[in-house]
């Protein structure tokens, strides 16, 4: 796995210098993330979400926040979501129209025909980190 999210929901990196401004620290982390994603191989697991929740609705429907238990894995070219009763969804990064962070650390993926939300009840993952990864991977 490429990265680990710590309590502050940042990538664990070890800077060579001391940062006195938060924006410089954020810029440094963003550069480290881009560097790690550029070096990644297509089949390499980048990040994973365990014990998460997922809800999938058509593009013109509101979410009910009645998700099912899932695990999600972010690869360089796709996101794999798997749950109970042989529930499996694969979302190719190139098919993602928009990805964003919603309230309470909810990661929303919008494709041409559906919207997918991933979240976790306890803050042991970062939707912000996943949204940044997808944004960078779409540019690569």
N, C-alpha and C. Protein backbone atom coordinates (compact mmCIF):
# COMPACT_ATOMS: atom_id res chain seq x y z
N UNK A 1 0.84 -1.17 0.00
CA UNK A 1 0.00 0.00 0.00
C UNK A 1 0.89 1.23 0.00
N UNK A 2 0.48 2.22 -0.74
CA UNK A 2 1.30 3.41 -0.91
C UNK A 2 1.31 4.32 0.30
N UNK A 3 0.16 4.64 0.82
CA UNK A 3 0.09 5.66 1.85
C UNK A 3 -0.66 5.22 3.07
N UNK A 4 -0.49 5.97 4.12
CA UNK A 4 -1.18 5.73 5.37
C UNK A 4 -1.72 7.06 5.85
N UNK A 5 -2.90 7.06 6.39
CA UNK A 5 -3.50 8.30 6.87
C UNK A 5 -3.37 8.34 8.39
N UNK A 6 -2.79 9.40 8.91
CA UNK A 6 -2.64 9.50 10.36
C UNK A 6 -3.83 10.23 10.98
N UNK A 7 -3.76 10.51 12.26
CA UNK A 7 -4.88 11.12 12.97
C UNK A 7 -5.26 12.49 12.42
N UNK A 8 -4.32 13.21 11.88
CA UNK A 8 -4.62 14.52 11.32
C UNK A 8 -5.12 14.41 9.88
N UNK A 9 -5.34 13.20 9.41
CA UNK A 9 -5.84 12.94 8.07
C UNK A 9 -4.92 13.48 6.99
N UNK A 10 -3.63 13.35 7.22
CA UNK A 10 -2.64 13.75 6.23
C UNK A 10 -1.82 12.53 5.83
N UNK A 11 -1.17 12.61 4.73
CA UNK A 11 -0.25 11.55 4.35
C UNK A 11 0.95 11.63 5.27
N UNK A 12 1.41 10.50 5.73
CA UNK A 12 2.60 10.50 6.57
C UNK A 12 3.82 10.68 5.70
N UNK A 13 4.38 11.84 5.74
CA UNK A 13 5.62 12.13 5.04
C UNK A 13 6.58 12.73 6.04
N UNK A 14 7.82 12.67 5.74
CA UNK A 14 8.83 13.14 6.68
C UNK A 14 9.62 14.26 6.02
N UNK A 15 9.21 15.50 6.27
CA UNK A 15 9.86 16.63 5.61
C UNK A 15 11.28 16.83 6.10
N UNK A 16 12.12 17.34 5.21
CA UNK A 16 13.50 17.64 5.55
C UNK A 16 13.63 18.99 6.21
N UNK A 17 12.59 19.76 6.15
CA UNK A 17 12.65 21.10 6.72
C UNK A 17 11.47 21.35 7.63
N UNK A 18 11.60 22.34 8.44
CA UNK A 18 10.54 22.71 9.37
C UNK A 18 9.61 23.72 8.69
N UNK A 19 8.32 23.48 8.74
CA UNK A 19 7.36 24.37 8.10
C UNK A 19 6.74 25.27 9.15
N UNK A 20 6.79 26.56 8.91
CA UNK A 20 6.19 27.52 9.85
C UNK A 20 4.80 27.95 9.41
N UNK A 21 4.44 27.67 8.16
CA UNK A 21 3.12 28.05 7.66
C UNK A 21 2.36 26.81 7.20
N UNK A 22 1.09 26.68 7.60
CA UNK A 22 0.30 25.51 7.21
C UNK A 22 0.15 25.36 5.69
N UNK A 23 0.08 26.48 4.96
CA UNK A 23 -0.08 26.37 3.51
C UNK A 23 1.15 25.77 2.85
N UNK A 24 2.33 26.04 3.40
CA UNK A 24 3.56 25.43 2.86
C UNK A 24 3.58 23.92 3.14
N UNK A 25 3.11 23.54 4.32
CA UNK A 25 3.02 22.12 4.67
C UNK A 25 2.02 21.42 3.74
N UNK A 26 0.89 22.06 3.47
CA UNK A 26 -0.10 21.49 2.55
C UNK A 26 0.47 21.34 1.14
N UNK A 27 1.19 22.36 0.68
CA UNK A 27 1.82 22.29 -0.64
C UNK A 27 2.83 21.15 -0.72
N UNK A 28 3.61 20.99 0.34
CA UNK A 28 4.60 19.92 0.39
C UNK A 28 3.90 18.56 0.32
N UNK A 29 2.85 18.38 1.09
CA UNK A 29 2.12 17.11 1.09
C UNK A 29 1.49 16.83 -0.28
N UNK A 30 0.97 17.87 -0.93
CA UNK A 30 0.38 17.70 -2.26
C UNK A 30 1.44 17.25 -3.26
N UNK A 31 2.63 17.82 -3.18
CA UNK A 31 3.73 17.42 -4.06
C UNK A 31 4.15 15.97 -3.78
N UNK A 32 4.21 15.60 -2.51
CA UNK A 32 4.55 14.22 -2.16
C UNK A 32 3.50 13.25 -2.69
N UNK A 33 2.24 13.62 -2.58
CA UNK A 33 1.16 12.77 -3.08
C UNK A 33 1.28 12.61 -4.60
N UNK A 34 1.50 13.69 -5.32
CA UNK A 34 1.67 13.62 -6.77
C UNK A 34 2.85 12.73 -7.14
N UNK A 35 3.94 12.88 -6.41
CA UNK A 35 5.13 12.07 -6.67
C UNK A 35 4.84 10.59 -6.46
N UNK A 36 4.17 10.25 -5.36
CA UNK A 36 3.85 8.84 -5.08
C UNK A 36 2.90 8.27 -6.13
N UNK A 37 1.91 9.05 -6.54
CA UNK A 37 0.95 8.56 -7.53
C UNK A 37 1.59 8.39 -8.91
N UNK A 38 2.52 9.26 -9.26
CA UNK A 38 3.23 9.13 -10.54
C UNK A 38 4.08 7.87 -10.58
N UNK A 39 4.66 7.49 -9.45
CA UNK A 39 5.52 6.30 -9.39
C UNK A 39 4.72 5.00 -9.31
N UNK A 40 3.44 5.08 -8.98
CA UNK A 40 2.64 3.88 -8.76
C UNK A 40 2.43 3.10 -10.05
N UNK A 41 2.31 1.79 -9.89
CA UNK A 41 2.03 0.88 -11.00
C UNK A 41 0.52 0.68 -11.04
N UNK A 42 -0.03 0.36 -12.21
CA UNK A 42 -1.48 0.27 -12.39
C UNK A 42 -2.15 -0.69 -11.40
N UNK A 43 -1.55 -1.83 -11.13
CA UNK A 43 -2.19 -2.82 -10.25
C UNK A 43 -1.82 -2.66 -8.78
N UNK A 44 -1.09 -1.61 -8.45
CA UNK A 44 -0.68 -1.39 -7.07
C UNK A 44 -1.80 -0.74 -6.28
N UNK A 45 -2.09 -1.30 -5.10
CA UNK A 45 -3.10 -0.73 -4.22
C UNK A 45 -2.57 0.55 -3.61
N UNK A 46 -3.29 1.65 -3.82
CA UNK A 46 -2.85 2.94 -3.29
C UNK A 46 -3.40 3.18 -1.90
N UNK A 47 -4.72 3.13 -1.77
CA UNK A 47 -5.38 3.33 -0.48
C UNK A 47 -6.56 2.38 -0.38
N UNK A 48 -6.96 2.08 0.85
CA UNK A 48 -8.12 1.22 1.03
C UNK A 48 -9.00 1.78 2.15
N UNK A 49 -10.26 1.43 2.08
CA UNK A 49 -11.25 1.80 3.09
C UNK A 49 -11.88 0.52 3.57
N UNK A 50 -11.74 0.22 4.85
CA UNK A 50 -12.37 -0.95 5.43
C UNK A 50 -13.53 -0.53 6.31
N UNK A 51 -14.49 -1.39 6.44
CA UNK A 51 -15.67 -1.14 7.27
C UNK A 51 -16.33 0.19 6.92
N UNK A 52 -16.46 0.44 5.63
CA UNK A 52 -17.08 1.66 5.16
C UNK A 52 -18.53 1.44 4.79
N UNK A 53 -19.15 2.51 4.34
CA UNK A 53 -20.53 2.49 3.88
C UNK A 53 -20.55 3.02 2.45
N UNK A 54 -21.48 2.52 1.66
CA UNK A 54 -21.58 2.95 0.27
C UNK A 54 -23.05 3.05 -0.12
N UNK A 55 -23.36 4.07 -0.88
CA UNK A 55 -24.70 4.20 -1.46
C UNK A 55 -24.54 4.63 -2.91
N UNK A 56 -25.29 3.98 -3.79
CA UNK A 56 -25.25 4.28 -5.22
C UNK A 56 -26.66 4.64 -5.67
N UNK A 57 -26.79 5.79 -6.32
CA UNK A 57 -28.10 6.23 -6.81
C UNK A 57 -27.95 6.72 -8.25
N UNK A 58 -29.05 6.74 -9.01
CA UNK A 58 -29.00 7.36 -10.34
C UNK A 58 -28.64 8.84 -10.23
N UNK A 59 -28.18 9.40 -11.30
CA UNK A 59 -27.64 10.76 -11.30
C UNK A 59 -28.65 11.80 -10.83
N UNK A 60 -29.95 11.58 -11.04
CA UNK A 60 -30.96 12.58 -10.70
C UNK A 60 -31.73 12.26 -9.42
N UNK A 61 -31.17 11.43 -8.55
CA UNK A 61 -31.85 10.99 -7.33
C UNK A 61 -31.08 11.46 -6.11
N UNK A 62 -31.81 11.77 -5.03
CA UNK A 62 -31.17 12.17 -3.78
C UNK A 62 -30.70 10.95 -3.01
N UNK A 63 -29.64 11.13 -2.24
CA UNK A 63 -29.15 10.07 -1.37
C UNK A 63 -30.05 9.96 -0.14
N UNK A 64 -30.20 8.73 0.37
CA UNK A 64 -30.97 8.50 1.58
C UNK A 64 -30.07 8.23 2.77
N UNK A 65 -28.76 8.13 2.51
CA UNK A 65 -27.76 7.80 3.54
C UNK A 65 -28.07 6.47 4.21
N UNK A 66 -28.57 5.53 3.43
CA UNK A 66 -28.79 4.17 3.91
C UNK A 66 -27.81 3.27 3.18
N UNK A 67 -26.58 3.39 3.54
CA UNK A 67 -25.54 2.67 2.83
C UNK A 67 -25.42 1.22 3.25
N UNK A 68 -24.74 0.47 2.43
CA UNK A 68 -24.42 -0.92 2.76
C UNK A 68 -22.96 -1.00 3.16
N UNK A 69 -22.63 -2.01 3.94
CA UNK A 69 -21.25 -2.19 4.40
C UNK A 69 -20.39 -2.63 3.24
N UNK A 70 -19.27 -1.94 3.07
CA UNK A 70 -18.38 -2.24 1.95
C UNK A 70 -16.92 -2.05 2.36
N UNK A 71 -16.07 -2.55 1.49
CA UNK A 71 -14.65 -2.19 1.51
C UNK A 71 -14.37 -1.57 0.15
N UNK A 72 -13.50 -0.59 0.12
CA UNK A 72 -13.17 0.08 -1.14
C UNK A 72 -11.66 0.12 -1.29
N UNK A 73 -11.21 -0.04 -2.51
CA UNK A 73 -9.78 -0.01 -2.81
C UNK A 73 -9.55 0.94 -3.97
N UNK A 74 -8.58 1.83 -3.79
CA UNK A 74 -8.22 2.79 -4.83
C UNK A 74 -6.93 2.33 -5.50
N UNK A 75 -7.02 2.09 -6.81
CA UNK A 75 -5.87 1.74 -7.63
C UNK A 75 -5.58 2.92 -8.54
N UNK A 76 -4.51 2.83 -9.30
CA UNK A 76 -4.14 3.94 -10.18
C UNK A 76 -5.16 4.16 -11.29
N UNK A 77 -5.85 3.11 -11.72
CA UNK A 77 -6.78 3.24 -12.84
C UNK A 77 -8.24 3.01 -12.48
N UNK A 78 -8.53 2.64 -11.22
CA UNK A 78 -9.92 2.31 -10.87
C UNK A 78 -10.15 2.35 -9.36
N UNK A 79 -11.42 2.31 -8.99
CA UNK A 79 -11.83 2.13 -7.60
C UNK A 79 -12.69 0.88 -7.57
N UNK A 80 -12.32 -0.08 -6.73
CA UNK A 80 -13.10 -1.31 -6.55
C UNK A 80 -13.85 -1.23 -5.24
N UNK A 81 -15.15 -1.48 -5.29
CA UNK A 81 -15.99 -1.49 -4.10
C UNK A 81 -16.61 -2.87 -4.00
N UNK A 82 -16.51 -3.49 -2.83
CA UNK A 82 -17.06 -4.83 -2.62
C UNK A 82 -17.82 -4.85 -1.30
N UNK A 83 -18.94 -5.58 -1.29
CA UNK A 83 -19.75 -5.67 -0.09
C UNK A 83 -20.38 -7.03 0.07
N UNK A 84 -21.36 -7.08 0.95
CA UNK A 84 -22.06 -8.33 1.24
C UNK A 84 -22.90 -8.78 0.05
N UNK A 85 -23.23 -10.07 0.04
CA UNK A 85 -24.07 -10.67 -1.00
C UNK A 85 -23.51 -10.46 -2.41
N UNK A 86 -22.22 -10.66 -2.56
CA UNK A 86 -21.54 -10.55 -3.85
C UNK A 86 -21.73 -9.19 -4.53
N UNK A 87 -21.85 -8.14 -3.74
CA UNK A 87 -21.96 -6.78 -4.27
C UNK A 87 -20.58 -6.33 -4.69
N UNK A 88 -20.42 -5.99 -5.98
CA UNK A 88 -19.14 -5.51 -6.50
C UNK A 88 -19.38 -4.42 -7.54
N UNK A 89 -18.60 -3.35 -7.40
CA UNK A 89 -18.67 -2.25 -8.36
C UNK A 89 -17.24 -1.83 -8.66
N UNK A 90 -16.95 -1.64 -9.93
CA UNK A 90 -15.65 -1.11 -10.35
C UNK A 90 -15.91 0.19 -11.10
N UNK A 91 -15.23 1.24 -10.65
CA UNK A 91 -15.36 2.55 -11.28
C UNK A 91 -14.01 2.90 -11.88
N UNK A 92 -13.95 3.02 -13.18
CA UNK A 92 -12.71 3.43 -13.84
C UNK A 92 -12.49 4.92 -13.60
N UNK A 93 -11.26 5.29 -13.33
CA UNK A 93 -10.93 6.69 -13.06
C UNK A 93 -11.31 7.58 -14.25
N UNK A 94 -11.11 7.08 -15.46
CA UNK A 94 -11.43 7.90 -16.64
C UNK A 94 -12.93 8.14 -16.80
N UNK A 95 -13.77 7.29 -16.18
CA UNK A 95 -15.23 7.45 -16.26
C UNK A 95 -15.77 8.43 -15.23
N UNK A 96 -14.95 8.87 -14.30
CA UNK A 96 -15.40 9.78 -13.25
C UNK A 96 -15.50 11.19 -13.82
N UNK A 97 -16.69 11.76 -13.74
CA UNK A 97 -16.92 13.12 -14.21
C UNK A 97 -16.49 14.11 -13.15
N UNK A 98 -16.82 13.80 -11.89
CA UNK A 98 -16.48 14.69 -10.78
C UNK A 98 -16.33 13.87 -9.51
N UNK A 99 -15.41 14.29 -8.66
CA UNK A 99 -15.29 13.70 -7.32
C UNK A 99 -15.18 14.85 -6.34
N UNK A 100 -15.83 14.68 -5.20
CA UNK A 100 -15.84 15.77 -4.24
C UNK A 100 -16.01 15.24 -2.83
N UNK A 101 -15.71 16.09 -1.87
CA UNK A 101 -15.89 15.77 -0.46
C UNK A 101 -17.17 16.45 0.00
N UNK A 102 -18.06 15.66 0.57
CA UNK A 102 -19.29 16.21 1.14
C UNK A 102 -19.10 16.35 2.64
N UNK A 103 -20.13 16.76 3.32
CA UNK A 103 -20.07 16.94 4.77
C UNK A 103 -19.68 15.65 5.49
N UNK A 104 -19.12 15.79 6.66
CA UNK A 104 -18.75 14.67 7.53
C UNK A 104 -17.84 13.66 6.84
N UNK A 105 -16.92 14.13 6.04
CA UNK A 105 -15.92 13.26 5.42
C UNK A 105 -16.54 12.19 4.52
N UNK A 106 -17.48 12.59 3.70
CA UNK A 106 -18.14 11.71 2.74
C UNK A 106 -17.53 11.98 1.36
N UNK A 107 -17.07 10.92 0.70
CA UNK A 107 -16.46 11.01 -0.62
C UNK A 107 -17.53 10.68 -1.66
N UNK A 108 -17.80 11.61 -2.56
CA UNK A 108 -18.81 11.40 -3.59
C UNK A 108 -18.16 11.34 -4.97
N UNK A 109 -18.55 10.33 -5.72
CA UNK A 109 -18.06 10.12 -7.08
C UNK A 109 -19.25 10.27 -8.01
N UNK A 110 -19.08 11.08 -9.04
CA UNK A 110 -20.15 11.27 -10.01
C UNK A 110 -19.64 10.76 -11.36
N UNK A 111 -20.38 9.80 -11.93
CA UNK A 111 -20.08 9.31 -13.27
C UNK A 111 -21.20 9.81 -14.19
N UNK A 112 -21.21 9.33 -15.40
CA UNK A 112 -22.19 9.81 -16.37
C UNK A 112 -23.62 9.46 -15.97
N UNK A 113 -23.81 8.28 -15.34
CA UNK A 113 -25.16 7.81 -15.06
C UNK A 113 -25.49 7.63 -13.59
N UNK A 114 -24.51 7.72 -12.70
CA UNK A 114 -24.80 7.47 -11.29
C UNK A 114 -23.89 8.26 -10.37
N UNK A 115 -24.32 8.34 -9.12
CA UNK A 115 -23.53 8.98 -8.08
C UNK A 115 -23.28 7.94 -6.99
N UNK A 116 -22.07 7.93 -6.49
CA UNK A 116 -21.66 6.96 -5.48
C UNK A 116 -21.10 7.73 -4.30
N UNK A 117 -21.54 7.37 -3.11
CA UNK A 117 -20.98 7.98 -1.90
C UNK A 117 -20.32 6.90 -1.05
N UNK A 118 -19.14 7.23 -0.56
CA UNK A 118 -18.41 6.36 0.37
C UNK A 118 -18.16 7.15 1.64
N UNK A 119 -18.36 6.51 2.78
CA UNK A 119 -18.06 7.15 4.05
C UNK A 119 -17.79 6.09 5.10
N UNK A 120 -17.33 6.56 6.23
CA UNK A 120 -17.07 5.69 7.36
C UNK A 120 -17.54 6.42 8.61
N UNK A 121 -18.17 5.69 9.51
CA UNK A 121 -18.74 6.34 10.70
C UNK A 121 -17.68 6.83 11.66
N UNK A 122 -16.54 6.18 11.69
CA UNK A 122 -15.45 6.66 12.54
C UNK A 122 -14.38 7.27 11.64
N UNK A 123 -13.76 8.35 12.07
CA UNK A 123 -12.82 9.06 11.19
C UNK A 123 -11.45 8.41 11.08
N UNK A 124 -11.40 7.22 10.48
CA UNK A 124 -10.11 6.56 10.29
C UNK A 124 -9.72 6.55 8.83
N UNK A 125 -10.31 7.42 8.07
CA UNK A 125 -9.93 7.56 6.68
C UNK A 125 -10.20 9.01 6.28
N UNK A 126 -9.71 9.40 5.14
CA UNK A 126 -9.85 10.79 4.71
C UNK A 126 -10.49 10.85 3.32
N UNK A 127 -11.72 11.32 3.27
CA UNK A 127 -12.38 11.53 1.98
C UNK A 127 -11.64 12.59 1.18
N UNK A 128 -11.07 13.56 1.87
CA UNK A 128 -10.31 14.63 1.22
C UNK A 128 -9.11 14.05 0.48
N UNK A 129 -8.42 13.10 1.11
CA UNK A 129 -7.27 12.46 0.49
C UNK A 129 -7.69 11.68 -0.75
N UNK A 130 -8.79 10.94 -0.67
CA UNK A 130 -9.27 10.17 -1.83
C UNK A 130 -9.67 11.10 -2.96
N UNK A 131 -10.35 12.20 -2.65
CA UNK A 131 -10.75 13.16 -3.68
C UNK A 131 -9.52 13.76 -4.36
N UNK A 132 -8.50 14.09 -3.58
CA UNK A 132 -7.26 14.61 -4.17
C UNK A 132 -6.59 13.58 -5.06
N UNK A 133 -6.56 12.33 -4.62
CA UNK A 133 -5.95 11.26 -5.42
C UNK A 133 -6.66 11.12 -6.76
N UNK A 134 -7.98 11.07 -6.74
CA UNK A 134 -8.73 10.91 -7.98
C UNK A 134 -8.48 12.10 -8.90
N UNK A 135 -8.43 13.29 -8.35
CA UNK A 135 -8.16 14.48 -9.16
C UNK A 135 -6.79 14.38 -9.83
N UNK A 136 -5.79 13.97 -9.08
CA UNK A 136 -4.43 13.84 -9.63
C UNK A 136 -4.37 12.71 -10.65
N UNK A 137 -5.00 11.57 -10.35
CA UNK A 137 -4.97 10.42 -11.26
C UNK A 137 -5.66 10.73 -12.59
N UNK A 138 -6.68 11.55 -12.57
CA UNK A 138 -7.34 11.94 -13.82
C UNK A 138 -6.41 12.78 -14.69
N UNK A 139 -5.49 13.50 -14.06
CA UNK A 139 -4.54 14.35 -14.81
C UNK A 139 -3.36 13.56 -15.37
N UNK A 140 -3.06 12.42 -14.77
CA UNK A 140 -1.89 11.63 -15.19
C UNK A 140 -2.16 10.98 -16.53
